[in-house]
Amino acid sequence: MSEQKAERITILAREFAEAAFEYHRGRLGEKGYRMAGPIVQHKFMLLEGPQEPTELFDGEPLFAATFVLKDAEEG
């Protein structure tokens, strides 16, 4: 990751526990992050231009855990 901290980091994982554990493994709390919301499954799609969106990860739903810098403004 670059020297400048990202305001939000989203971790994707196939299992709930993997996504939850990354907060501790990655020492995100020590780096100034907190959870932005619950860890839930998402299906990811990419939209590029006017065509139909393309499924990412072969359409497999993944657990997403989003972390936000504690001093970042919500919005």
C-alpha atoms as a PDB file:
ATOM      1  CA  MET A   1       0.000   0.000   0.000  1.00  0.00           C
ATOM      2  CA  SER A   2       1.195   3.570  -0.578  1.00  0.00           C
ATOM      3  CA  GLU A   3       2.547   5.788   2.206  1.00  0.00           C
ATOM      4  CA  GLN A   4      -0.698   7.768   2.315  1.00  0.00           C
ATOM      5  CA  LYS A   5      -3.380   5.854   4.200  1.00  0.00           C
ATOM      6  CA  ALA A   6      -6.524   5.004   2.298  1.00  0.00           C
ATOM      7  CA  GLU A   7      -9.641   6.405   3.978  1.00  0.00           C
ATOM      8  CA  ARG A   8     -11.372   3.041   3.496  1.00  0.00           C
ATOM      9  CA  ILE A   9     -10.062  -0.484   3.077  1.00  0.00           C
ATOM     10  CA  THR A  10     -12.319  -3.369   2.046  1.00  0.00           C
ATOM     11  CA  ILE A  11     -11.143  -6.926   2.655  1.00  0.00           C
ATOM     12  CA  LEU A  12     -12.722  -9.689   0.559  1.00  0.00           C
ATOM     13  CA  ALA A  13     -12.746 -13.288   1.767  1.00  0.00           C
ATOM     14  CA  ARG A  14     -14.504 -16.545   0.976  1.00  0.00           C
ATOM     15  CA  GLU A  15     -15.182 -17.220   4.674  1.00  0.00           C
ATOM     16  CA  PHE A  16     -16.635 -14.892   7.313  1.00  0.00           C
ATOM     17  CA  ALA A  17     -13.919 -15.734   9.859  1.00  0.00           C
ATOM     18  CA  GLU A  18     -11.125 -14.838   7.420  1.00  0.00           C
ATOM     19  CA  ALA A  19     -12.604 -11.385   6.838  1.00  0.00           C
ATOM     20  CA  ALA A  20     -13.155 -10.807  10.561  1.00  0.00           C
ATOM     21  CA  PHE A  21      -9.670 -11.976  11.543  1.00  0.00           C
ATOM     22  CA  GLU A  22      -7.952  -9.603   9.101  1.00  0.00           C
ATOM     23  CA  TYR A  23      -8.706  -6.673  11.425  1.00  0.00           C
ATOM     24  CA  HIS A  24      -6.431  -8.276  14.016  1.00  0.00           C
ATOM     25  CA  ARG A  25      -3.904  -9.899  11.703  1.00  0.00           C
ATOM     26  CA  GLY A  26      -3.421  -6.688   9.748  1.00  0.00           C
ATOM     27  CA  ARG A  27      -3.313  -4.614  12.957  1.00  0.00           C
ATOM     28  CA  LEU A  28      -5.857  -2.285  11.419  1.00  0.00           C
ATOM     29  CA  GLY A  29      -6.904  -0.904  14.815  1.00  0.00           C
ATOM     30  CA  GLU A  30      -3.303   0.082  15.533  1.00  0.00           C
ATOM     31  CA  LYS A  31      -3.214   1.764  12.114  1.00  0.00           C
ATOM     32  CA  GLY A  32      -6.241   3.906  13.002  1.00  0.00           C
ATOM     33  CA  TYR A  33      -9.071   1.943  11.375  1.00  0.00           C
ATOM     34  CA  ARG A  34     -12.442   0.810  12.719  1.00  0.00           C
ATOM     35  CA  MET A  35     -15.135  -1.354  11.149  1.00  0.00           C
ATOM     36  CA  ALA A  36     -17.531   0.662   9.003  1.00  0.00           C
ATOM     37  CA  GLY A  37     -20.387  -1.826   9.246  1.00  0.00           C
ATOM     38  CA  PRO A  38     -21.217  -5.523   9.392  1.00  0.00           C
ATOM     39  CA  ILE A  39     -19.333  -8.192   7.465  1.00  0.00           C
ATOM     40  CA  VAL A  40     -21.742  -9.417   4.796  1.00  0.00           C
ATOM     41  CA  GLN A  41     -21.621 -11.321   1.523  1.00  0.00           C
ATOM     42  CA  HIS A  42     -21.585  -9.365  -1.733  1.00  0.00           C
ATOM     43  CA  LYS A  43     -21.662 -10.298  -5.382  1.00  0.00           C
ATOM     44  CA  PHE A  44     -19.208  -8.055  -7.220  1.00  0.00           C
ATOM     45  CA  MET A  45     -19.785  -6.661 -10.693  1.00  0.00           C
ATOM     46  CA  LEU A  46     -17.726  -4.234 -12.764  1.00  0.00           C
ATOM     47  CA  LEU A  47     -19.311  -1.655 -15.010  1.00  0.00           C
ATOM     48  CA  GLU A  48     -17.143  -0.229 -17.768  1.00  0.00           C
ATOM     49  CA  GLY A  49     -19.013   2.063 -20.091  1.00  0.00           C
ATOM     50  CA  PRO A  50     -22.533   1.553 -21.394  1.00  0.00           C
ATOM     51  CA  GLN A  51     -22.411  -2.260 -21.703  1.00  0.00           C
ATOM     52  CA  GLU A  52     -23.797  -4.707 -19.155  1.00  0.00           C
ATOM     53  CA  PRO A  53     -21.747  -5.191 -15.965  1.00  0.00           C
ATOM     54  CA  THR A  54     -19.302  -8.102 -15.787  1.00  0.00           C
ATOM     55  CA  GLU A  55     -19.373 -10.484 -12.826  1.00  0.00           C
ATOM     56  CA  LEU A  56     -16.123 -10.541 -10.887  1.00  0.00           C
ATOM     57  CA  PHE A  57     -14.772 -13.646  -9.142  1.00  0.00           C
ATOM     58  CA  ASP A  58     -16.902 -15.820 -11.466  1.00  0.00           C
ATOM     59  CA  GLY A  59     -20.026 -14.502  -9.738  1.00  0.00           C
ATOM     60  CA  GLU A  60     -19.041 -16.089  -6.409  1.00  0.00           C
ATOM     61  CA  PRO A  61     -20.361 -14.066  -3.441  1.00  0.00           C
ATOM     62  CA  LEU A  62     -17.572 -13.022  -1.090  1.00  0.00           C
ATOM     63  CA  PHE A  63     -17.626 -11.646   2.431  1.00  0.00           C
ATOM     64  CA  ALA A  64     -16.662  -7.978   2.515  1.00  0.00           C
ATOM     65  CA  ALA A  65     -15.348  -6.224   5.613  1.00  0.00           C
ATOM     66  CA  THR A  66     -14.873  -2.482   5.222  1.00  0.00           C
ATOM     67  CA  PHE A  67     -12.687  -0.496   7.571  1.00  0.00           C
ATOM     68  CA  VAL A  68     -12.545   3.303   7.769  1.00  0.00           C
ATOM     69  CA  LEU A  69      -9.977   5.598   9.352  1.00  0.00           C
ATOM     70  CA  LYS A  70     -11.278   6.637  12.760  1.00  0.00           C
ATOM     71  CA  ASP A  71     -10.678  10.315  12.005  1.00  0.00           C
ATOM     72  CA  ALA A  72     -12.189  10.165   8.496  1.00  0.00           C
ATOM     73  CA  GLU A  73     -15.495  11.924   7.982  1.00  0.00           C
ATOM     74  CA  GLU A  74     -18.388   9.541   7.273  1.00  0.00           C
ATOM     75  CA  GLY A  75     -20.297  10.170   4.120  1.00  0.00           C
END
